[in-house]
């Protein structure tokens, strides 16, 4: 695993609440939406781009994780950082059979708040918009560690 990780169980890491007013743009309808819409969800937020090989490698496991938890309060929030998302998103949706909404980072405020330096970049957010950890680099999201963490967060 590469990159860094913030883990809520780590004594020197503070779990921080996210700014619920930060905005994301839904590509399906162009609406600008606040992060607060996810306050009752467990969220895996993933920053990616179509040109990023590692992002494309991990996309199937992200989609599989979303499918596994589709009837729960779990949400996969995909944040596309392509320069011309309108041109690439339709083919990515088709290629990976993406059913969740794809968002853009309005004015890159989210990326700045999370300190995104490289993609793929993921943030695990518990109910109440509490940031549990962030990680850069790709991974298999269908591993037991992630599944257990989602299940545990959903119970809280």
N, C-alpha and C. Protein backbone atom coordinates (compact mmCIF):
# COMPACT_ATOMS: atom_id res chain seq x y z
N UNK A 1 0.85 -1.17 0.00
CA UNK A 1 0.00 0.00 0.00
C UNK A 1 0.89 1.24 0.00
N UNK A 2 0.60 2.18 -0.87
CA UNK A 2 1.43 3.38 -0.89
C UNK A 2 0.63 4.57 -0.37
N UNK A 3 1.29 5.65 -0.15
CA UNK A 3 0.60 6.85 0.33
C UNK A 3 0.51 6.87 1.84
N UNK A 4 -0.39 7.69 2.33
CA UNK A 4 -0.49 7.85 3.77
C UNK A 4 -1.89 7.45 4.20
N UNK A 5 -2.01 7.19 5.45
CA UNK A 5 -3.31 6.79 5.95
C UNK A 5 -3.55 7.46 7.30
N UNK A 6 -4.75 7.93 7.48
CA UNK A 6 -5.16 8.44 8.78
C UNK A 6 -6.07 7.38 9.36
N UNK A 7 -5.79 6.93 10.52
CA UNK A 7 -6.60 5.88 11.09
C UNK A 7 -7.17 6.36 12.41
N UNK A 8 -8.46 6.28 12.57
CA UNK A 8 -9.12 6.76 13.78
C UNK A 8 -8.65 6.09 15.04
N UNK A 9 -8.11 4.88 14.92
CA UNK A 9 -7.63 4.16 16.11
C UNK A 9 -6.24 4.61 16.52
N UNK A 10 -5.60 5.36 15.69
CA UNK A 10 -4.25 5.86 15.98
C UNK A 10 -4.36 7.01 16.97
N UNK A 11 -3.70 6.91 18.10
CA UNK A 11 -3.90 7.88 19.19
C UNK A 11 -3.54 9.32 18.82
N UNK A 12 -2.63 9.52 17.87
CA UNK A 12 -2.24 10.89 17.56
C UNK A 12 -3.04 11.48 16.39
N UNK A 13 -4.07 10.75 15.94
CA UNK A 13 -4.87 11.25 14.82
C UNK A 13 -6.23 11.70 15.33
N UNK A 14 -6.57 12.91 14.99
CA UNK A 14 -7.85 13.45 15.40
C UNK A 14 -8.85 13.17 14.29
N UNK A 15 -10.02 12.69 14.65
CA UNK A 15 -11.06 12.51 13.63
C UNK A 15 -11.70 13.88 13.44
N UNK A 16 -11.61 14.39 12.19
CA UNK A 16 -12.12 15.73 11.97
C UNK A 16 -13.45 15.68 11.23
N UNK A 17 -14.31 16.61 11.57
CA UNK A 17 -15.59 16.70 10.86
C UNK A 17 -15.36 17.54 9.61
N UNK A 18 -15.96 17.11 8.53
CA UNK A 18 -15.82 17.83 7.27
C UNK A 18 -16.73 19.04 7.22
N UNK A 19 -16.37 19.98 6.39
CA UNK A 19 -17.19 21.16 6.18
C UNK A 19 -18.40 20.76 5.35
N UNK A 20 -19.57 20.72 5.99
CA UNK A 20 -20.80 20.26 5.33
C UNK A 20 -21.25 21.20 4.22
N UNK A 21 -20.70 22.41 4.19
CA UNK A 21 -21.09 23.40 3.18
C UNK A 21 -20.30 23.26 1.88
N UNK A 22 -19.21 22.47 1.91
CA UNK A 22 -18.44 22.28 0.68
C UNK A 22 -19.36 21.74 -0.40
N UNK A 23 -19.13 22.18 -1.63
CA UNK A 23 -20.03 21.84 -2.73
C UNK A 23 -19.37 20.90 -3.74
N UNK A 24 -20.19 20.02 -4.29
CA UNK A 24 -19.78 19.16 -5.39
C UNK A 24 -20.82 19.29 -6.49
N UNK A 25 -20.37 19.05 -7.72
CA UNK A 25 -21.27 19.18 -8.87
C UNK A 25 -21.63 17.79 -9.40
N UNK A 26 -22.92 17.51 -9.46
CA UNK A 26 -23.39 16.24 -9.98
C UNK A 26 -23.39 16.31 -11.50
N UNK A 27 -22.62 15.43 -12.15
CA UNK A 27 -22.51 15.49 -13.61
C UNK A 27 -23.77 15.07 -14.33
N UNK A 28 -24.61 14.24 -13.70
CA UNK A 28 -25.81 13.77 -14.41
C UNK A 28 -26.79 14.90 -14.67
N UNK A 29 -26.91 15.83 -13.72
CA UNK A 29 -27.89 16.92 -13.90
C UNK A 29 -27.28 18.32 -13.78
N UNK A 30 -25.97 18.39 -13.50
CA UNK A 30 -25.30 19.69 -13.40
C UNK A 30 -25.58 20.45 -12.11
N UNK A 31 -26.34 19.84 -11.19
CA UNK A 31 -26.68 20.53 -9.94
C UNK A 31 -25.47 20.60 -9.02
N UNK A 32 -25.36 21.75 -8.35
CA UNK A 32 -24.33 21.93 -7.33
C UNK A 32 -24.97 21.50 -6.00
N UNK A 33 -24.33 20.56 -5.32
CA UNK A 33 -24.91 19.99 -4.11
C UNK A 33 -23.94 20.11 -2.94
N UNK A 34 -24.46 20.29 -1.71
CA UNK A 34 -23.58 20.38 -0.54
C UNK A 34 -23.20 18.98 -0.04
N UNK A 35 -22.04 18.89 0.59
CA UNK A 35 -21.62 17.63 1.21
C UNK A 35 -22.60 17.18 2.29
N UNK A 36 -23.33 18.12 2.87
CA UNK A 36 -24.26 17.80 3.96
C UNK A 36 -25.28 16.73 3.56
N UNK A 37 -25.52 16.55 2.25
CA UNK A 37 -26.47 15.52 1.83
C UNK A 37 -26.03 14.12 2.26
N UNK A 38 -24.75 13.94 2.60
CA UNK A 38 -24.23 12.63 2.98
C UNK A 38 -24.08 12.46 4.49
N UNK A 39 -24.63 13.37 5.28
CA UNK A 39 -24.39 13.34 6.73
C UNK A 39 -24.89 12.07 7.41
N UNK A 40 -25.88 11.40 6.82
CA UNK A 40 -26.42 10.18 7.41
C UNK A 40 -25.84 8.92 6.75
N UNK A 41 -24.80 9.10 5.95
CA UNK A 41 -24.20 7.97 5.23
C UNK A 41 -22.78 7.69 5.69
N UNK A 42 -22.35 6.47 5.41
CA UNK A 42 -20.94 6.10 5.46
C UNK A 42 -20.48 6.26 4.02
N UNK A 43 -19.43 7.06 3.82
CA UNK A 43 -19.03 7.44 2.47
C UNK A 43 -17.59 7.03 2.18
N UNK A 44 -17.40 6.46 0.99
CA UNK A 44 -16.05 6.31 0.47
C UNK A 44 -15.98 7.28 -0.69
N UNK A 45 -15.19 8.33 -0.51
CA UNK A 45 -15.02 9.35 -1.54
C UNK A 45 -13.72 9.06 -2.27
N UNK A 46 -13.81 9.00 -3.59
CA UNK A 46 -12.64 8.63 -4.37
C UNK A 46 -12.41 9.67 -5.47
N UNK A 47 -11.23 10.28 -5.44
CA UNK A 47 -10.82 11.25 -6.46
C UNK A 47 -10.09 10.48 -7.55
N UNK A 48 -10.47 10.67 -8.82
CA UNK A 48 -9.93 9.89 -9.92
C UNK A 48 -9.99 10.69 -11.21
N UNK A 49 -9.35 10.15 -12.24
CA UNK A 49 -9.42 10.74 -13.59
C UNK A 49 -9.30 9.62 -14.61
N UNK A 50 -9.82 9.87 -15.79
CA UNK A 50 -9.82 8.83 -16.84
C UNK A 50 -8.41 8.49 -17.32
N UNK A 51 -7.48 9.44 -17.25
CA UNK A 51 -6.11 9.21 -17.73
C UNK A 51 -5.23 8.52 -16.70
N UNK A 52 -5.75 8.34 -15.49
CA UNK A 52 -4.97 7.77 -14.38
C UNK A 52 -5.10 6.24 -14.41
N UNK A 53 -4.00 5.56 -14.77
CA UNK A 53 -4.04 4.09 -14.88
C UNK A 53 -4.43 3.41 -13.57
N UNK A 54 -3.84 3.86 -12.48
CA UNK A 54 -4.15 3.25 -11.17
C UNK A 54 -5.62 3.45 -10.81
N UNK A 55 -6.17 4.59 -11.19
CA UNK A 55 -7.60 4.86 -10.92
C UNK A 55 -8.47 3.85 -11.67
N UNK A 56 -8.10 3.58 -12.90
CA UNK A 56 -8.88 2.64 -13.72
C UNK A 56 -8.72 1.21 -13.22
N UNK A 57 -7.54 0.90 -12.67
CA UNK A 57 -7.29 -0.44 -12.12
C UNK A 57 -8.20 -0.69 -10.91
N UNK A 58 -8.36 0.31 -10.05
CA UNK A 58 -9.15 0.09 -8.83
C UNK A 58 -10.65 0.32 -9.03
N UNK A 59 -11.06 0.91 -10.14
CA UNK A 59 -12.48 1.23 -10.34
C UNK A 59 -13.40 0.00 -10.22
N UNK A 60 -13.07 -1.16 -10.82
CA UNK A 60 -13.98 -2.30 -10.67
C UNK A 60 -14.22 -2.71 -9.21
N UNK A 61 -13.19 -2.62 -8.37
CA UNK A 61 -13.38 -3.01 -6.97
C UNK A 61 -14.20 -1.95 -6.21
N UNK A 62 -14.08 -0.69 -6.60
CA UNK A 62 -14.93 0.35 -6.00
C UNK A 62 -16.41 0.09 -6.34
N UNK A 63 -16.66 -0.23 -7.61
CA UNK A 63 -18.02 -0.50 -8.07
C UNK A 63 -18.57 -1.75 -7.36
N UNK A 64 -17.72 -2.77 -7.20
CA UNK A 64 -18.14 -4.01 -6.51
C UNK A 64 -18.48 -3.73 -5.05
N UNK A 65 -17.69 -2.86 -4.41
CA UNK A 65 -17.96 -2.50 -3.01
C UNK A 65 -19.30 -1.79 -2.90
N UNK A 66 -19.56 -0.88 -3.82
CA UNK A 66 -20.84 -0.18 -3.82
C UNK A 66 -21.99 -1.17 -4.01
N UNK A 67 -21.81 -2.12 -4.92
CA UNK A 67 -22.85 -3.13 -5.17
C UNK A 67 -23.11 -3.96 -3.91
N UNK A 68 -22.04 -4.34 -3.23
CA UNK A 68 -22.18 -5.17 -2.01
C UNK A 68 -23.03 -4.46 -0.97
N UNK A 69 -22.89 -3.13 -0.87
CA UNK A 69 -23.58 -2.38 0.18
C UNK A 69 -24.72 -1.51 -0.38
N UNK A 70 -25.25 -1.89 -1.55
CA UNK A 70 -26.21 -1.01 -2.23
C UNK A 70 -27.51 -0.78 -1.46
N UNK A 71 -27.91 -1.69 -0.59
CA UNK A 71 -29.15 -1.50 0.17
C UNK A 71 -28.90 -1.03 1.60
N UNK A 72 -27.82 -0.27 1.76
CA UNK A 72 -27.44 0.23 3.09
C UNK A 72 -27.23 1.74 3.00
N UNK A 73 -26.73 2.32 4.09
CA UNK A 73 -26.43 3.76 4.12
C UNK A 73 -25.04 4.07 3.57
N UNK A 74 -24.41 3.07 2.92
CA UNK A 74 -23.08 3.29 2.33
C UNK A 74 -23.23 4.00 0.99
N UNK A 75 -22.36 4.99 0.74
CA UNK A 75 -22.36 5.69 -0.55
C UNK A 75 -20.94 5.75 -1.09
N UNK A 76 -20.82 5.43 -2.37
CA UNK A 76 -19.57 5.64 -3.08
C UNK A 76 -19.71 6.98 -3.78
N UNK A 77 -18.82 7.91 -3.46
CA UNK A 77 -18.87 9.24 -4.06
C UNK A 77 -17.62 9.39 -4.93
N UNK A 78 -17.83 9.33 -6.23
CA UNK A 78 -16.73 9.41 -7.19
C UNK A 78 -16.54 10.86 -7.62
N UNK A 79 -15.34 11.40 -7.36
CA UNK A 79 -15.02 12.79 -7.71
C UNK A 79 -14.05 12.77 -8.89
N UNK A 80 -14.55 13.14 -10.06
CA UNK A 80 -13.72 13.14 -11.26
C UNK A 80 -12.93 14.45 -11.34
N UNK A 81 -11.64 14.34 -11.64
CA UNK A 81 -10.79 15.54 -11.73
C UNK A 81 -10.23 15.74 -13.14
N UNK A 82 -10.88 15.13 -14.13
CA UNK A 82 -10.47 15.35 -15.52
C UNK A 82 -10.69 16.81 -15.91
N UNK A 83 -9.87 17.31 -16.86
CA UNK A 83 -10.03 18.70 -17.32
C UNK A 83 -11.31 18.90 -18.10
N UNK A 84 -11.71 17.92 -18.90
CA UNK A 84 -12.95 18.00 -19.67
C UNK A 84 -13.83 16.80 -19.35
N UNK A 85 -14.39 16.78 -18.14
CA UNK A 85 -15.13 15.61 -17.69
C UNK A 85 -16.30 15.23 -18.61
N UNK A 86 -16.95 16.22 -19.19
CA UNK A 86 -18.10 15.94 -20.05
C UNK A 86 -17.72 15.03 -21.21
N UNK A 87 -16.47 15.11 -21.65
CA UNK A 87 -16.00 14.30 -22.78
C UNK A 87 -15.68 12.86 -22.39
N UNK A 88 -15.24 12.64 -21.15
CA UNK A 88 -14.77 11.30 -20.78
C UNK A 88 -15.71 10.52 -19.89
N UNK A 89 -16.53 11.20 -19.10
CA UNK A 89 -17.38 10.49 -18.13
C UNK A 89 -18.34 9.49 -18.78
N UNK A 90 -19.03 9.85 -19.88
CA UNK A 90 -19.96 8.86 -20.46
C UNK A 90 -19.29 7.53 -20.81
N UNK A 91 -18.07 7.56 -21.36
CA UNK A 91 -17.41 6.30 -21.72
C UNK A 91 -16.96 5.54 -20.48
N UNK A 92 -16.58 6.25 -19.43
CA UNK A 92 -16.17 5.59 -18.18
C UNK A 92 -17.40 4.92 -17.54
N UNK A 93 -18.54 5.61 -17.54
CA UNK A 93 -19.77 5.04 -16.99
C UNK A 93 -20.12 3.75 -17.73
N UNK A 94 -20.03 3.78 -19.06
CA UNK A 94 -20.32 2.59 -19.87
C UNK A 94 -19.32 1.47 -19.60
N UNK A 95 -18.06 1.81 -19.59
CA UNK A 95 -17.00 0.81 -19.43
C UNK A 95 -17.13 0.05 -18.11
N UNK A 96 -17.40 0.79 -17.02
CA UNK A 96 -17.42 0.17 -15.69
C UNK A 96 -18.83 -0.07 -15.16
N UNK A 97 -19.84 0.25 -15.96
CA UNK A 97 -21.25 0.07 -15.53
C UNK A 97 -21.50 0.80 -14.21
N UNK A 98 -21.09 2.06 -14.16
CA UNK A 98 -21.21 2.86 -12.93
C UNK A 98 -22.66 3.31 -12.76
N UNK A 99 -23.22 3.02 -11.59
CA UNK A 99 -24.60 3.42 -11.30
C UNK A 99 -24.67 4.56 -10.29
N UNK A 100 -23.59 4.80 -9.57
CA UNK A 100 -23.60 5.90 -8.60
C UNK A 100 -23.35 7.22 -9.34
N UNK A 101 -23.73 8.30 -8.69
CA UNK A 101 -23.50 9.62 -9.29
C UNK A 101 -22.00 9.89 -9.35
N UNK A 102 -21.61 10.63 -10.37
CA UNK A 102 -20.22 11.08 -10.49
C UNK A 102 -20.24 12.59 -10.30
N UNK A 103 -19.31 13.06 -9.50
CA UNK A 103 -19.28 14.47 -9.13
C UNK A 103 -17.99 15.14 -9.58
N UNK A 104 -18.03 16.45 -9.61
CA UNK A 104 -16.85 17.26 -9.82
C UNK A 104 -16.63 18.08 -8.56
N UNK A 105 -15.41 18.47 -8.33
CA UNK A 105 -15.03 19.24 -7.15
C UNK A 105 -15.14 20.72 -7.49
N UNK A 106 -16.19 21.36 -7.01
CA UNK A 106 -16.41 22.77 -7.31
C UNK A 106 -15.26 23.60 -6.74
N UNK A 107 -14.57 24.31 -7.61
CA UNK A 107 -13.45 25.19 -7.24
C UNK A 107 -12.33 24.45 -6.49
N UNK A 108 -12.29 23.14 -6.62
CA UNK A 108 -11.27 22.30 -5.99
C UNK A 108 -11.16 22.48 -4.48
N UNK A 109 -12.26 22.88 -3.84
CA UNK A 109 -12.24 23.07 -2.39
C UNK A 109 -12.08 21.76 -1.63
N UNK A 110 -12.70 20.70 -2.12
CA UNK A 110 -12.58 19.40 -1.46
C UNK A 110 -11.14 18.91 -1.52
N UNK A 111 -10.57 18.96 -2.71
CA UNK A 111 -9.18 18.50 -2.88
C UNK A 111 -8.25 19.27 -1.95
N UNK A 112 -8.50 20.56 -1.81
CA UNK A 112 -7.67 21.39 -0.93
C UNK A 112 -7.87 20.97 0.52
N UNK A 113 -9.13 20.78 0.94
CA UNK A 113 -9.42 20.37 2.31
C UNK A 113 -8.78 19.03 2.66
N UNK A 114 -8.80 18.09 1.72
CA UNK A 114 -8.24 16.77 1.96
C UNK A 114 -6.74 16.72 1.75
N UNK A 115 -6.17 17.73 1.09
CA UNK A 115 -4.75 17.71 0.79
C UNK A 115 -4.41 16.70 -0.30
N UNK A 116 -5.26 16.62 -1.32
CA UNK A 116 -5.03 15.67 -2.41
C UNK A 116 -3.83 16.12 -3.23
N UNK A 117 -2.78 15.30 -3.23
CA UNK A 117 -1.57 15.62 -4.00
C UNK A 117 -1.46 14.71 -5.22
N UNK A 118 -2.00 13.50 -5.12
CA UNK A 118 -1.92 12.53 -6.22
C UNK A 118 -3.20 11.69 -6.20
N UNK A 119 -3.55 11.17 -7.38
CA UNK A 119 -4.72 10.31 -7.46
C UNK A 119 -4.29 8.93 -7.93
N UNK A 120 -5.05 7.87 -7.64
CA UNK A 120 -6.30 7.93 -6.91
C UNK A 120 -6.07 8.31 -5.44
N UNK A 121 -7.07 8.97 -4.89
CA UNK A 121 -7.04 9.42 -3.51
C UNK A 121 -8.41 9.12 -2.93
N UNK A 122 -8.43 8.48 -1.78
CA UNK A 122 -9.70 8.10 -1.18
C UNK A 122 -9.81 8.59 0.25
N UNK A 123 -11.05 8.88 0.64
CA UNK A 123 -11.35 9.32 2.00
C UNK A 123 -12.50 8.47 2.52
N UNK A 124 -12.33 7.92 3.72
CA UNK A 124 -13.39 7.14 4.35
C UNK A 124 -14.05 8.04 5.38
N UNK A 125 -15.36 8.24 5.21
CA UNK A 125 -16.09 9.22 6.02
C UNK A 125 -17.23 8.51 6.73
N UNK A 126 -17.26 8.64 8.05
CA UNK A 126 -18.31 8.01 8.84
C UNK A 126 -19.53 8.92 8.90
N UNK A 127 -20.63 8.37 9.43
CA UNK A 127 -21.86 9.16 9.58
C UNK A 127 -21.54 10.44 10.36
N UNK A 128 -22.24 11.50 10.03
CA UNK A 128 -21.97 12.79 10.66
C UNK A 128 -20.83 13.52 9.98
N UNK A 129 -20.44 13.03 8.81
CA UNK A 129 -19.33 13.63 8.02
C UNK A 129 -18.02 13.64 8.79
N UNK A 130 -17.78 12.58 9.57
CA UNK A 130 -16.52 12.48 10.31
C UNK A 130 -15.49 11.75 9.45
N UNK A 131 -14.41 12.45 9.16
CA UNK A 131 -13.35 11.89 8.33
C UNK A 131 -12.55 10.89 9.17
N UNK A 132 -12.59 9.63 8.76
CA UNK A 132 -11.89 8.58 9.51
C UNK A 132 -10.46 8.43 9.02
N UNK A 133 -10.25 8.32 7.69
CA UNK A 133 -8.90 8.24 7.14
C UNK A 133 -8.89 8.62 5.68
N UNK A 134 -7.68 8.96 5.23
CA UNK A 134 -7.46 9.24 3.81
C UNK A 134 -6.28 8.40 3.35
N UNK A 135 -6.24 8.14 2.06
CA UNK A 135 -5.19 7.29 1.52
C UNK A 135 -4.98 7.64 0.06
N UNK A 136 -3.73 7.69 -0.37
CA UNK A 136 -3.48 7.85 -1.80
C UNK A 136 -2.91 6.55 -2.33
N UNK A 137 -3.17 6.29 -3.60
CA UNK A 137 -2.75 5.04 -4.21
C UNK A 137 -3.93 4.12 -4.40
N UNK A 138 -3.76 3.17 -5.33
CA UNK A 138 -4.87 2.26 -5.62
C UNK A 138 -4.83 1.06 -4.69
N UNK A 139 -5.97 0.39 -4.58
CA UNK A 139 -6.06 -0.82 -3.77
C UNK A 139 -7.27 -1.63 -4.23
N UNK A 140 -7.35 -2.85 -3.72
CA UNK A 140 -8.51 -3.69 -3.96
C UNK A 140 -9.50 -3.36 -2.85
N UNK A 141 -10.59 -2.71 -3.21
CA UNK A 141 -11.57 -2.25 -2.22
C UNK A 141 -12.48 -3.36 -1.72
N UNK A 142 -12.38 -4.56 -2.31
CA UNK A 142 -13.20 -5.68 -1.86
C UNK A 142 -12.46 -6.59 -0.88
N UNK A 143 -11.41 -6.06 -0.25
CA UNK A 143 -10.70 -6.90 0.72
C UNK A 143 -11.43 -6.90 2.06
N UNK A 144 -11.12 -7.89 2.89
CA UNK A 144 -11.82 -8.07 4.17
C UNK A 144 -11.70 -6.87 5.09
N UNK A 145 -10.54 -6.22 5.10
CA UNK A 145 -10.31 -5.07 5.98
C UNK A 145 -11.30 -3.94 5.67
N UNK A 146 -11.45 -3.64 4.40
CA UNK A 146 -12.36 -2.56 3.99
C UNK A 146 -13.81 -2.95 4.27
N UNK A 147 -14.18 -4.17 3.90
CA UNK A 147 -15.56 -4.63 4.11
C UNK A 147 -15.92 -4.58 5.60
N UNK A 148 -15.00 -5.04 6.45
CA UNK A 148 -15.24 -5.00 7.91
C UNK A 148 -15.39 -3.57 8.39
N UNK A 149 -14.56 -2.67 7.86
CA UNK A 149 -14.63 -1.27 8.28
C UNK A 149 -15.96 -0.63 7.88
N UNK A 150 -16.43 -0.93 6.66
CA UNK A 150 -17.73 -0.40 6.22
C UNK A 150 -18.84 -0.96 7.10
N UNK A 151 -18.82 -2.27 7.33
CA UNK A 151 -19.86 -2.91 8.16
C UNK A 151 -19.89 -2.30 9.56
N UNK A 152 -18.74 -2.10 10.15
CA UNK A 152 -18.64 -1.53 11.50
C UNK A 152 -19.19 -0.09 11.51
N UNK A 153 -18.80 0.69 10.51
CA UNK A 153 -19.26 2.10 10.45
C UNK A 153 -20.77 2.18 10.23
N UNK A 154 -21.32 1.25 9.48
CA UNK A 154 -22.77 1.26 9.24
C UNK A 154 -23.56 0.99 10.51
N UNK A 155 -22.96 0.22 11.44
CA UNK A 155 -23.65 -0.12 12.69
C UNK A 155 -23.64 1.03 13.68
N UNK A 156 -22.69 1.96 13.52
CA UNK A 156 -22.54 3.05 14.50
C UNK A 156 -23.61 4.10 14.35
